[in-house]
Amino acid sequence: MFTFAFAIILMLVTPGPGVLSAAGVAAGFGARAGLRYVTGLCLGQALVFAAVAAGLSTFVMATPWLQLTLMLLSFCYLLYLAARISLAGSKIAFIQATHAPGLRAGLLLQPINPKAYAVLTALITSFPLYPENYWIEVAIKFVILNIIWIPIHVLWVYFGLSLKRLDLSPKMQQGINVTMGISMLLVVALASWATF
């Protein structure tokens, strides 16, 4: 069980689109927006977890065109989120972000993220905890995953909020927002490159 928990920690502390976007939403729009967004991420992660546990990930991973489609949808959606985060509070942007990405934005990210399927497949199919009953094992893994997953994502919201609270000049805050948006896209590009 400790090996499973350690694997989760290693997978989650490495910045990915979910945690970077959570920090970016909090930095650009505040604590409530960040927590609503993380709630959406959590619900989306639960949907992907259920799909993987039910065997859908096998189909996704074995269907290259579907994997590519999900990757492209994920990239486009993350590009949209990166723009929303980068433009938060911008008065010179051609598209000013007037409202924060919320629960729905977080919820939509996970099901179109092929990396989520790959990570959850690895976690569900590895580290046997209760081999006598698959569904009990899946339930135990779901609980352990969320005991670790939720605080780490809330910590990233706090990190983003800490940046917002520094009371930086608007230009500096805009620079941080843009950097977070670009970082999120770089992580996606690297993950895409490693996958294909």
N, C-alpha and C. Protein backbone atom coordinates (compact mmCIF):
# COMPACT_ATOMS: atom_id res chain seq x y z
N MET A 1 0.83 -1.19 0.00
CA MET A 1 0.00 0.00 0.00
C MET A 1 0.87 1.26 0.00
N PHE A 2 1.99 1.21 0.74
CA PHE A 2 2.87 2.37 0.79
C PHE A 2 3.55 2.61 -0.56
N THR A 3 3.87 1.53 -1.26
CA THR A 3 4.47 1.67 -2.59
C THR A 3 3.48 2.33 -3.53
N PHE A 4 2.22 1.93 -3.44
CA PHE A 4 1.17 2.53 -4.26
C PHE A 4 1.04 4.02 -3.95
N ALA A 5 0.99 4.36 -2.66
CA ALA A 5 0.88 5.77 -2.26
C ALA A 5 2.10 6.57 -2.73
N PHE A 6 3.28 5.98 -2.62
CA PHE A 6 4.50 6.66 -3.06
C PHE A 6 4.47 6.90 -4.57
N ALA A 7 3.98 5.92 -5.33
CA ALA A 7 3.86 6.08 -6.79
C ALA A 7 2.92 7.23 -7.12
N ILE A 8 1.83 7.35 -6.39
CA ILE A 8 0.88 8.45 -6.61
C ILE A 8 1.57 9.78 -6.35
N ILE A 9 2.28 9.87 -5.24
CA ILE A 9 2.97 11.12 -4.89
C ILE A 9 3.95 11.50 -5.98
N LEU A 10 4.74 10.54 -6.45
CA LEU A 10 5.70 10.84 -7.51
C LEU A 10 5.02 11.33 -8.78
N MET A 11 3.88 10.74 -9.11
CA MET A 11 3.16 11.16 -10.32
C MET A 11 2.52 12.53 -10.17
N LEU A 12 2.15 12.90 -8.95
CA LEU A 12 1.42 14.15 -8.75
C LEU A 12 2.30 15.35 -8.45
N VAL A 13 3.47 15.14 -7.84
CA VAL A 13 4.30 16.31 -7.52
C VAL A 13 4.99 16.85 -8.76
N THR A 14 5.11 16.03 -9.79
CA THR A 14 5.66 16.51 -11.05
C THR A 14 4.60 17.39 -11.70
N PRO A 15 4.91 18.65 -11.98
CA PRO A 15 3.89 19.53 -12.54
C PRO A 15 3.34 19.01 -13.87
N GLY A 16 2.04 18.96 -13.92
CA GLY A 16 1.33 18.58 -15.14
C GLY A 16 0.27 19.61 -15.42
N PRO A 17 -0.52 19.41 -16.46
CA PRO A 17 -1.53 20.39 -16.83
C PRO A 17 -2.54 20.67 -15.72
N GLY A 18 -2.93 19.64 -14.97
CA GLY A 18 -3.93 19.83 -13.92
C GLY A 18 -3.46 20.75 -12.81
N VAL A 19 -2.29 20.45 -12.24
CA VAL A 19 -1.81 21.26 -11.12
C VAL A 19 -1.37 22.64 -11.58
N LEU A 20 -0.74 22.72 -12.75
CA LEU A 20 -0.33 24.04 -13.25
C LEU A 20 -1.54 24.91 -13.56
N SER A 21 -2.57 24.32 -14.15
CA SER A 21 -3.76 25.13 -14.45
C SER A 21 -4.47 25.52 -13.16
N ALA A 22 -4.46 24.65 -12.14
CA ALA A 22 -5.07 24.99 -10.85
C ALA A 22 -4.35 26.18 -10.22
N ALA A 23 -3.01 26.15 -10.24
CA ALA A 23 -2.24 27.28 -9.71
C ALA A 23 -2.49 28.53 -10.54
N GLY A 24 -2.57 28.37 -11.85
CA GLY A 24 -2.81 29.51 -12.73
C GLY A 24 -4.17 30.14 -12.51
N VAL A 25 -5.19 29.32 -12.34
CA VAL A 25 -6.54 29.85 -12.08
C VAL A 25 -6.55 30.60 -10.75
N ALA A 26 -5.92 30.05 -9.72
CA ALA A 26 -5.87 30.73 -8.42
C ALA A 26 -5.07 32.03 -8.51
N ALA A 27 -3.94 32.01 -9.22
CA ALA A 27 -3.12 33.22 -9.36
C ALA A 27 -3.86 34.30 -10.14
N GLY A 28 -4.60 33.88 -11.14
CA GLY A 28 -5.29 34.86 -11.98
C GLY A 28 -6.64 35.31 -11.46
N PHE A 29 -7.34 34.41 -10.73
CA PHE A 29 -8.73 34.70 -10.38
C PHE A 29 -9.08 34.54 -8.91
N GLY A 30 -8.14 34.04 -8.09
CA GLY A 30 -8.41 33.95 -6.66
C GLY A 30 -8.72 32.54 -6.15
N ALA A 31 -8.89 32.46 -4.82
CA ALA A 31 -9.05 31.17 -4.13
C ALA A 31 -10.32 30.44 -4.52
N ARG A 32 -11.45 31.14 -4.52
CA ARG A 32 -12.72 30.47 -4.85
C ARG A 32 -12.68 29.86 -6.24
N ALA A 33 -12.18 30.63 -7.19
CA ALA A 33 -12.10 30.13 -8.56
C ALA A 33 -11.18 28.92 -8.63
N GLY A 34 -10.04 29.00 -7.93
CA GLY A 34 -9.10 27.89 -7.92
C GLY A 34 -9.70 26.64 -7.32
N LEU A 35 -10.43 26.79 -6.21
CA LEU A 35 -11.04 25.63 -5.56
C LEU A 35 -12.19 25.06 -6.39
N ARG A 36 -12.97 25.92 -7.05
CA ARG A 36 -14.02 25.42 -7.95
C ARG A 36 -13.40 24.63 -9.09
N TYR A 37 -12.31 25.15 -9.63
CA TYR A 37 -11.62 24.48 -10.73
C TYR A 37 -11.08 23.12 -10.27
N VAL A 38 -10.47 23.06 -9.09
CA VAL A 38 -9.94 21.80 -8.56
C VAL A 38 -11.08 20.81 -8.29
N THR A 39 -12.23 21.30 -7.85
CA THR A 39 -13.38 20.41 -7.67
C THR A 39 -13.76 19.78 -9.00
N GLY A 40 -13.75 20.57 -10.06
CA GLY A 40 -14.02 20.03 -11.40
C GLY A 40 -12.97 19.01 -11.82
N LEU A 41 -11.69 19.32 -11.55
CA LEU A 41 -10.62 18.36 -11.85
C LEU A 41 -10.84 17.05 -11.11
N CYS A 42 -11.24 17.15 -9.85
CA CYS A 42 -11.46 15.97 -9.03
C CYS A 42 -12.61 15.12 -9.59
N LEU A 43 -13.69 15.77 -9.98
CA LEU A 43 -14.82 15.04 -10.57
C LEU A 43 -14.42 14.42 -11.90
N GLY A 44 -13.67 15.15 -12.70
CA GLY A 44 -13.20 14.62 -13.98
C GLY A 44 -12.26 13.44 -13.78
N GLN A 45 -11.40 13.53 -12.78
CA GLN A 45 -10.50 12.43 -12.47
C GLN A 45 -11.28 11.20 -12.02
N ALA A 46 -12.37 11.42 -11.27
CA ALA A 46 -13.21 10.29 -10.83
C ALA A 46 -13.88 9.62 -12.04
N LEU A 47 -14.30 10.42 -13.02
CA LEU A 47 -14.89 9.85 -14.24
C LEU A 47 -13.88 9.01 -15.00
N VAL A 48 -12.67 9.53 -15.14
CA VAL A 48 -11.62 8.78 -15.85
C VAL A 48 -11.26 7.53 -15.06
N PHE A 49 -11.18 7.64 -13.75
CA PHE A 49 -10.88 6.48 -12.91
C PHE A 49 -11.93 5.39 -13.13
N ALA A 50 -13.20 5.78 -13.13
CA ALA A 50 -14.28 4.80 -13.35
C ALA A 50 -14.17 4.17 -14.73
N ALA A 51 -13.87 4.99 -15.74
CA ALA A 51 -13.73 4.46 -17.10
C ALA A 51 -12.57 3.49 -17.20
N VAL A 52 -11.46 3.82 -16.56
CA VAL A 52 -10.30 2.93 -16.58
C VAL A 52 -10.61 1.63 -15.84
N ALA A 53 -11.24 1.75 -14.68
CA ALA A 53 -11.58 0.56 -13.89
C ALA A 53 -12.54 -0.35 -14.67
N ALA A 54 -13.40 0.25 -15.48
CA ALA A 54 -14.35 -0.53 -16.27
C ALA A 54 -13.73 -1.10 -17.55
N GLY A 55 -12.50 -0.70 -17.85
CA GLY A 55 -11.81 -1.27 -19.01
C GLY A 55 -11.74 -0.39 -20.24
N LEU A 56 -12.28 0.81 -20.18
CA LEU A 56 -12.29 1.70 -21.35
C LEU A 56 -10.88 2.10 -21.78
N SER A 57 -9.96 2.20 -20.83
CA SER A 57 -8.60 2.64 -21.19
C SER A 57 -7.93 1.67 -22.15
N THR A 58 -8.26 0.39 -22.05
CA THR A 58 -7.68 -0.59 -22.97
C THR A 58 -8.07 -0.24 -24.40
N PHE A 59 -9.32 0.12 -24.59
CA PHE A 59 -9.80 0.53 -25.92
C PHE A 59 -9.11 1.81 -26.37
N VAL A 60 -9.02 2.80 -25.47
CA VAL A 60 -8.39 4.08 -25.82
C VAL A 60 -6.92 3.87 -26.19
N MET A 61 -6.19 3.10 -25.39
CA MET A 61 -4.77 2.89 -25.65
C MET A 61 -4.51 2.04 -26.89
N ALA A 62 -5.48 1.20 -27.26
CA ALA A 62 -5.31 0.32 -28.42
C ALA A 62 -5.84 0.95 -29.71
N THR A 63 -6.36 2.16 -29.63
CA THR A 63 -6.94 2.82 -30.80
C THR A 63 -6.17 4.10 -31.07
N PRO A 64 -5.14 4.02 -31.94
CA PRO A 64 -4.28 5.19 -32.17
C PRO A 64 -5.03 6.45 -32.60
N TRP A 65 -6.03 6.33 -33.47
CA TRP A 65 -6.74 7.53 -33.92
C TRP A 65 -7.51 8.17 -32.77
N LEU A 66 -8.04 7.36 -31.85
CA LEU A 66 -8.75 7.91 -30.70
C LEU A 66 -7.77 8.58 -29.74
N GLN A 67 -6.63 7.95 -29.56
CA GLN A 67 -5.59 8.54 -28.71
C GLN A 67 -5.15 9.89 -29.28
N LEU A 68 -4.93 9.94 -30.59
CA LEU A 68 -4.53 11.18 -31.24
C LEU A 68 -5.63 12.23 -31.13
N THR A 69 -6.87 11.82 -31.32
CA THR A 69 -8.00 12.75 -31.21
C THR A 69 -8.08 13.34 -29.81
N LEU A 70 -7.97 12.48 -28.80
CA LEU A 70 -8.00 12.97 -27.41
C LEU A 70 -6.82 13.90 -27.13
N MET A 71 -5.66 13.56 -27.67
CA MET A 71 -4.48 14.40 -27.48
C MET A 71 -4.70 15.79 -28.10
N LEU A 72 -5.26 15.82 -29.31
CA LEU A 72 -5.51 17.10 -29.97
C LEU A 72 -6.57 17.91 -29.23
N LEU A 73 -7.65 17.24 -28.81
CA LEU A 73 -8.69 17.93 -28.03
C LEU A 73 -8.10 18.47 -26.73
N SER A 74 -7.29 17.66 -26.08
CA SER A 74 -6.66 18.07 -24.84
C SER A 74 -5.76 19.28 -25.06
N PHE A 75 -4.95 19.23 -26.12
CA PHE A 75 -4.05 20.35 -26.40
C PHE A 75 -4.84 21.63 -26.70
N CYS A 76 -5.89 21.51 -27.52
CA CYS A 76 -6.71 22.70 -27.84
C CYS A 76 -7.38 23.26 -26.59
N TYR A 77 -7.89 22.37 -25.75
CA TYR A 77 -8.55 22.82 -24.54
C TYR A 77 -7.56 23.48 -23.59
N LEU A 78 -6.37 22.88 -23.47
CA LEU A 78 -5.34 23.47 -22.61
C LEU A 78 -4.83 24.79 -23.17
N LEU A 79 -4.79 24.91 -24.48
CA LEU A 79 -4.43 26.18 -25.10
C LEU A 79 -5.46 27.25 -24.71
N TYR A 80 -6.73 26.88 -24.75
CA TYR A 80 -7.80 27.78 -24.34
C TYR A 80 -7.64 28.17 -22.86
N LEU A 81 -7.40 27.17 -21.98
CA LEU A 81 -7.21 27.46 -20.56
C LEU A 81 -5.97 28.33 -20.33
N ALA A 82 -4.89 28.03 -21.05
CA ALA A 82 -3.66 28.82 -20.91
C ALA A 82 -3.93 30.28 -21.30
N ALA A 83 -4.71 30.47 -22.35
CA ALA A 83 -5.06 31.84 -22.77
C ALA A 83 -5.89 32.53 -21.69
N ARG A 84 -6.86 31.81 -21.12
CA ARG A 84 -7.69 32.39 -20.06
C ARG A 84 -6.83 32.80 -18.86
N ILE A 85 -5.89 31.92 -18.48
CA ILE A 85 -5.01 32.22 -17.34
C ILE A 85 -4.07 33.37 -17.69
N SER A 86 -3.49 33.33 -18.87
CA SER A 86 -2.53 34.36 -19.29
C SER A 86 -3.17 35.73 -19.40
N LEU A 87 -4.44 35.77 -19.79
CA LEU A 87 -5.12 37.04 -20.01
C LEU A 87 -5.87 37.54 -18.78
N ALA A 88 -5.80 36.83 -17.67
CA ALA A 88 -6.50 37.24 -16.45
C ALA A 88 -6.04 38.64 -16.04
N GLY A 89 -6.99 39.53 -15.94
CA GLY A 89 -6.69 40.89 -15.50
C GLY A 89 -6.04 41.77 -16.55
N SER A 90 -5.88 41.25 -17.75
CA SER A 90 -5.23 42.02 -18.81
C SER A 90 -6.19 43.04 -19.38
N LYS A 91 -5.73 44.25 -19.51
CA LYS A 91 -6.56 45.29 -20.11
C LYS A 91 -6.17 45.53 -21.57
N ILE A 92 -5.05 44.96 -22.00
CA ILE A 92 -4.60 45.19 -23.37
C ILE A 92 -4.87 43.99 -24.28
N ALA A 93 -5.39 42.93 -23.71
CA ALA A 93 -5.60 41.71 -24.49
C ALA A 93 -6.75 41.90 -25.48
N PHE A 94 -6.65 41.21 -26.61
CA PHE A 94 -7.75 41.26 -27.58
C PHE A 94 -8.94 40.45 -27.07
N ILE A 95 -8.70 39.51 -26.16
CA ILE A 95 -9.77 38.78 -25.49
C ILE A 95 -9.50 38.90 -24.00
N GLN A 96 -10.25 39.72 -23.31
CA GLN A 96 -10.01 39.87 -21.88
C GLN A 96 -10.75 38.76 -21.14
N ALA A 97 -10.06 38.07 -20.26
CA ALA A 97 -10.68 37.03 -19.45
C ALA A 97 -11.45 37.70 -18.33
N THR A 98 -12.78 37.73 -18.44
CA THR A 98 -13.58 38.43 -17.45
C THR A 98 -14.11 37.52 -16.36
N HIS A 99 -14.22 36.24 -16.63
CA HIS A 99 -14.64 35.32 -15.57
C HIS A 99 -13.72 34.10 -15.56
N ALA A 100 -13.58 33.55 -14.38
CA ALA A 100 -12.61 32.47 -14.16
C ALA A 100 -13.10 31.14 -14.71
N PRO A 101 -12.16 30.32 -15.16
CA PRO A 101 -12.53 28.94 -15.46
C PRO A 101 -13.02 28.30 -14.16
N GLY A 102 -14.14 27.62 -14.20
CA GLY A 102 -14.72 27.07 -12.98
C GLY A 102 -14.78 25.56 -12.97
N LEU A 103 -15.78 25.05 -12.27
CA LEU A 103 -15.95 23.62 -12.10
C LEU A 103 -16.02 22.89 -13.45
N ARG A 104 -16.81 23.43 -14.36
CA ARG A 104 -16.97 22.78 -15.67
C ARG A 104 -15.64 22.72 -16.43
N ALA A 105 -14.84 23.78 -16.34
CA ALA A 105 -13.54 23.78 -17.03
C ALA A 105 -12.63 22.69 -16.48
N GLY A 106 -12.62 22.53 -15.17
CA GLY A 106 -11.82 21.47 -14.56
C GLY A 106 -12.35 20.09 -14.91
N LEU A 107 -13.66 19.96 -14.89
CA LEU A 107 -14.30 18.68 -15.21
C LEU A 107 -13.99 18.23 -16.63
N LEU A 108 -13.97 19.17 -17.56
CA LEU A 108 -13.74 18.82 -18.97
C LEU A 108 -12.30 18.43 -19.27
N LEU A 109 -11.37 18.89 -18.47
CA LEU A 109 -9.96 18.62 -18.76
C LEU A 109 -9.60 17.14 -18.67
N GLN A 110 -10.01 16.48 -17.61
CA GLN A 110 -9.55 15.11 -17.38
C GLN A 110 -10.02 14.10 -18.44
N PRO A 111 -11.29 14.06 -18.83
CA PRO A 111 -11.72 13.04 -19.79
C PRO A 111 -11.09 13.15 -21.18
N ILE A 112 -10.57 14.31 -21.55
CA ILE A 112 -9.93 14.43 -22.87
C ILE A 112 -8.41 14.36 -22.77
N ASN A 113 -7.90 14.05 -21.60
CA ASN A 113 -6.46 13.99 -21.38
C ASN A 113 -5.97 12.54 -21.44
N PRO A 114 -5.36 12.12 -22.55
CA PRO A 114 -4.89 10.73 -22.67
C PRO A 114 -3.91 10.34 -21.57
N LYS A 115 -3.15 11.32 -21.09
CA LYS A 115 -2.18 11.05 -20.02
C LYS A 115 -2.91 10.57 -18.75
N ALA A 116 -4.10 11.12 -18.48
CA ALA A 116 -4.87 10.69 -17.31
C ALA A 116 -5.22 9.21 -17.41
N TYR A 117 -5.59 8.78 -18.62
CA TYR A 117 -5.91 7.36 -18.82
C TYR A 117 -4.68 6.49 -18.59
N ALA A 118 -3.55 6.94 -19.12
CA ALA A 118 -2.31 6.15 -18.99
C ALA A 118 -1.88 6.04 -17.53
N VAL A 119 -1.90 7.15 -16.81
CA VAL A 119 -1.47 7.15 -15.40
C VAL A 119 -2.42 6.30 -14.56
N LEU A 120 -3.72 6.50 -14.74
CA LEU A 120 -4.67 5.74 -13.93
C LEU A 120 -4.67 4.26 -14.29
N THR A 121 -4.42 3.94 -15.55
CA THR A 121 -4.29 2.53 -15.93
C THR A 121 -3.11 1.90 -15.20
N ALA A 122 -1.99 2.61 -15.17
CA ALA A 122 -0.81 2.10 -14.47
C ALA A 122 -1.09 1.91 -12.98
N LEU A 123 -1.78 2.86 -12.38
CA LEU A 123 -2.06 2.76 -10.95
C LEU A 123 -3.06 1.66 -10.62
N ILE A 124 -4.07 1.50 -11.46
CA ILE A 124 -5.09 0.49 -11.19
C ILE A 124 -4.57 -0.92 -11.45
N THR A 125 -3.79 -1.09 -12.51
CA THR A 125 -3.35 -2.44 -12.88
C THR A 125 -2.08 -2.89 -12.16
N SER A 126 -1.38 -1.98 -11.55
CA SER A 126 -0.16 -2.32 -10.81
C SER A 126 -0.44 -2.28 -9.31
N PHE A 127 0.54 -2.65 -8.53
CA PHE A 127 0.46 -2.55 -7.08
C PHE A 127 -0.76 -3.30 -6.51
N PRO A 128 -0.79 -4.61 -6.61
CA PRO A 128 -1.94 -5.36 -6.08
C PRO A 128 -2.10 -5.13 -4.57
N LEU A 129 -3.30 -4.74 -4.19
CA LEU A 129 -3.61 -4.49 -2.78
C LEU A 129 -4.59 -5.51 -2.22
N TYR A 130 -5.50 -5.95 -3.06
CA TYR A 130 -6.53 -6.89 -2.63
C TYR A 130 -6.91 -7.75 -3.83
N PRO A 131 -6.00 -8.62 -4.26
CA PRO A 131 -6.22 -9.38 -5.49
C PRO A 131 -7.42 -10.34 -5.46
N GLU A 132 -7.94 -10.62 -4.28
CA GLU A 132 -9.09 -11.52 -4.18
C GLU A 132 -10.36 -10.91 -4.76
N ASN A 133 -10.45 -9.59 -4.76
CA ASN A 133 -11.66 -8.93 -5.25
C ASN A 133 -11.27 -7.64 -5.97
N TYR A 134 -11.42 -7.65 -7.28
CA TYR A 134 -11.02 -6.51 -8.11
C TYR A 134 -11.70 -5.22 -7.67
N TRP A 135 -12.99 -5.24 -7.44
CA TRP A 135 -13.73 -4.01 -7.15
C TRP A 135 -13.40 -3.44 -5.77
N ILE A 136 -13.11 -4.32 -4.81
CA ILE A 136 -12.66 -3.82 -3.50
C ILE A 136 -11.29 -3.16 -3.66
N GLU A 137 -10.42 -3.80 -4.44
CA GLU A 137 -9.10 -3.20 -4.69
C GLU A 137 -9.24 -1.84 -5.37
N VAL A 138 -10.11 -1.76 -6.37
CA VAL A 138 -10.32 -0.49 -7.07
C VAL A 138 -10.83 0.57 -6.10
N ALA A 139 -11.76 0.20 -5.23
CA ALA A 139 -12.30 1.16 -4.26
C ALA A 139 -11.21 1.64 -3.30
N ILE A 140 -10.38 0.72 -2.82
CA ILE A 140 -9.28 1.10 -1.92
C ILE A 140 -8.32 2.05 -2.63
N LYS A 141 -7.98 1.72 -3.87
CA LYS A 141 -7.06 2.58 -4.64
C LYS A 141 -7.67 3.95 -4.90
N PHE A 142 -8.97 4.00 -5.15
CA PHE A 142 -9.64 5.28 -5.38
C PHE A 142 -9.55 6.16 -4.13
N VAL A 143 -9.78 5.56 -2.97
CA VAL A 143 -9.72 6.32 -1.71
C VAL A 143 -8.29 6.82 -1.46
N ILE A 144 -7.31 5.93 -1.61
CA ILE A 144 -5.91 6.33 -1.39
C ILE A 144 -5.50 7.43 -2.37
N LEU A 145 -5.87 7.25 -3.63
CA LEU A 145 -5.55 8.25 -4.65
C LEU A 145 -6.08 9.62 -4.25
N ASN A 146 -7.34 9.68 -3.82
CA ASN A 146 -7.94 10.97 -3.49
C ASN A 146 -7.43 11.55 -2.19
N ILE A 147 -7.02 10.71 -1.26
CA ILE A 147 -6.42 11.21 -0.01
C ILE A 147 -5.14 11.97 -0.32
N ILE A 148 -4.45 11.55 -1.36
CA ILE A 148 -3.21 12.22 -1.77
C ILE A 148 -3.49 13.30 -2.82
N TRP A 149 -4.33 12.99 -3.79
CA TRP A 149 -4.59 13.85 -4.94
C TRP A 149 -5.18 15.20 -4.52
N ILE A 150 -6.20 15.17 -3.67
CA ILE A 150 -6.90 16.41 -3.31
C ILE A 150 -5.97 17.39 -2.59
N PRO A 151 -5.26 16.99 -1.52
CA PRO A 151 -4.37 17.96 -0.86
C PRO A 151 -3.27 18.52 -1.77
N ILE A 152 -2.73 17.68 -2.65
CA ILE A 152 -1.68 18.18 -3.55
C ILE A 152 -2.24 19.25 -4.48
N HIS A 153 -3.44 19.03 -5.00
CA HIS A 153 -4.04 20.03 -5.89
C HIS A 153 -4.43 21.30 -5.13
N VAL A 154 -4.91 21.15 -3.90
CA VAL A 154 -5.22 22.32 -3.08
C VAL A 154 -3.93 23.09 -2.76
N LEU A 155 -2.84 22.37 -2.55
CA LEU A 155 -1.54 23.01 -2.32
C LEU A 155 -1.12 23.85 -3.53
N TRP A 156 -1.36 23.34 -4.72
CA TRP A 156 -1.04 24.11 -5.93
C TRP A 156 -1.95 25.35 -6.05
N VAL A 157 -3.20 25.24 -5.61
CA VAL A 157 -4.07 26.42 -5.58
C VAL A 157 -3.48 27.44 -4.61
N TYR A 158 -3.03 26.97 -3.45
CA TYR A 158 -2.40 27.85 -2.47
C TYR A 158 -1.16 28.53 -3.06
N PHE A 159 -0.36 27.76 -3.79
CA PHE A 159 0.82 28.32 -4.44
C PHE A 159 0.41 29.44 -5.40
N GLY A 160 -0.60 29.19 -6.22
CA GLY A 160 -1.08 30.23 -7.14
C GLY A 160 -1.62 31.43 -6.40
N LEU A 161 -2.35 31.18 -5.32
CA LEU A 161 -2.91 32.26 -4.50
C LEU A 161 -1.80 33.07 -3.84
N SER A 162 -0.72 32.40 -3.42
CA SER A 162 0.42 33.09 -2.83
C SER A 162 1.04 34.07 -3.82
N LEU A 163 1.09 33.66 -5.08
CA LEU A 163 1.60 34.58 -6.11
C LEU A 163 0.68 35.79 -6.24
N LYS A 164 -0.62 35.55 -6.18
CA LYS A 164 -1.59 36.65 -6.30
C LYS A 164 -1.46 37.61 -5.11
N ARG A 165 -1.22 37.05 -3.92
CA ARG A 165 -1.15 37.86 -2.70
C ARG A 165 0.13 38.67 -2.58
N LEU A 166 1.11 38.41 -3.41
CA LEU A 166 2.36 39.17 -3.34
C LEU A 166 2.14 40.64 -3.69
N ASP A 167 0.95 40.95 -4.19
CA ASP A 167 0.59 42.31 -4.56
C ASP A 167 1.62 42.91 -5.52
N LEU A 168 1.89 42.16 -6.56
CA LEU A 168 2.84 42.59 -7.58
C LEU A 168 2.20 43.63 -8.48
N SER A 169 3.02 44.32 -9.21
CA SER A 169 2.49 45.28 -10.17
C SER A 169 1.67 44.52 -11.21
N PRO A 170 0.71 45.20 -11.85
CA PRO A 170 -0.09 44.52 -12.87
C PRO A 170 0.77 43.89 -13.97
N LYS A 171 1.85 44.57 -14.34
CA LYS A 171 2.72 44.03 -15.39
C LYS A 171 3.41 42.74 -14.92
N MET A 172 3.88 42.73 -13.68
CA MET A 172 4.54 41.54 -13.13
C MET A 172 3.53 40.40 -12.98
N GLN A 173 2.32 40.70 -12.49
CA GLN A 173 1.27 39.67 -12.36
C GLN A 173 0.92 39.09 -13.73
N GLN A 174 0.83 39.97 -14.72
CA GLN A 174 0.55 39.50 -16.08
C GLN A 174 1.68 38.59 -16.57
N GLY A 175 2.91 38.95 -16.25
CA GLY A 175 4.05 38.12 -16.64
C GLY A 175 3.99 36.74 -16.00
N ILE A 176 3.59 36.68 -14.73
CA ILE A 176 3.44 35.40 -14.04
C ILE A 176 2.32 34.58 -14.67
N ASN A 177 1.19 35.24 -14.95
CA ASN A 177 0.07 34.53 -15.58
C ASN A 177 0.48 33.95 -16.93
N VAL A 178 1.19 34.74 -17.73
CA VAL A 178 1.65 34.26 -19.04
C VAL A 178 2.64 33.11 -18.87
N THR A 179 3.55 33.24 -17.91
CA THR A 179 4.53 32.17 -17.66
C THR A 179 3.83 30.88 -17.25
N MET A 180 2.81 30.98 -16.41
CA MET A 180 2.08 29.78 -16.00
C MET A 180 1.35 29.16 -17.19
N GLY A 181 0.75 29.99 -18.02
CA GLY A 181 0.08 29.48 -19.22
C GLY A 181 1.05 28.78 -20.16
N ILE A 182 2.20 29.40 -20.38
CA ILE A 182 3.21 28.80 -21.27
C ILE A 182 3.77 27.52 -20.66
N SER A 183 4.01 27.51 -19.34
CA SER A 183 4.51 26.31 -18.67
C SER A 183 3.54 25.15 -18.85
N MET A 184 2.26 25.45 -18.71
CA MET A 184 1.24 24.42 -18.89
C MET A 184 1.30 23.83 -20.29
N LEU A 185 1.45 24.69 -21.29
CA LEU A 185 1.53 24.22 -22.68
C LEU A 185 2.82 23.43 -22.93
N LEU A 186 3.92 23.84 -22.31
CA LEU A 186 5.17 23.09 -22.46
C LEU A 186 5.06 21.68 -21.89
N VAL A 187 4.42 21.56 -20.74
CA VAL A 187 4.24 20.24 -20.15
C VAL A 187 3.41 19.36 -21.08
N VAL A 188 2.36 19.92 -21.66
CA VAL A 188 1.52 19.16 -22.59
C VAL A 188 2.31 18.78 -23.83
N ALA A 189 3.10 19.71 -24.35
CA ALA A 189 3.90 19.41 -25.55
C ALA A 189 4.91 18.30 -25.26
N LEU A 190 5.57 18.36 -24.11
CA LEU A 190 6.53 17.31 -23.75
C LEU A 190 5.84 15.96 -23.57
N ALA A 191 4.69 15.97 -22.93
CA ALA A 191 3.95 14.72 -22.74
C ALA A 191 3.49 14.16 -24.08
N SER A 192 3.05 15.04 -24.97
CA SER A 192 2.62 14.59 -26.30
C SER A 192 3.79 14.02 -27.08
N TRP A 193 4.92 14.68 -27.01
CA TRP A 193 6.11 14.22 -27.72
C TRP A 193 6.56 12.86 -27.19
N ALA A 194 6.51 12.69 -25.87
CA ALA A 194 6.92 11.42 -25.26
C ALA A 194 5.95 10.29 -25.59
N THR A 195 4.68 10.64 -25.79
CA THR A 195 3.66 9.63 -26.07
C THR A 195 3.73 9.13 -27.50
N PHE A 196 4.01 10.04 -28.43
CA PHE A 196 3.99 9.64 -29.85
C PHE A 196 5.36 9.60 -30.42
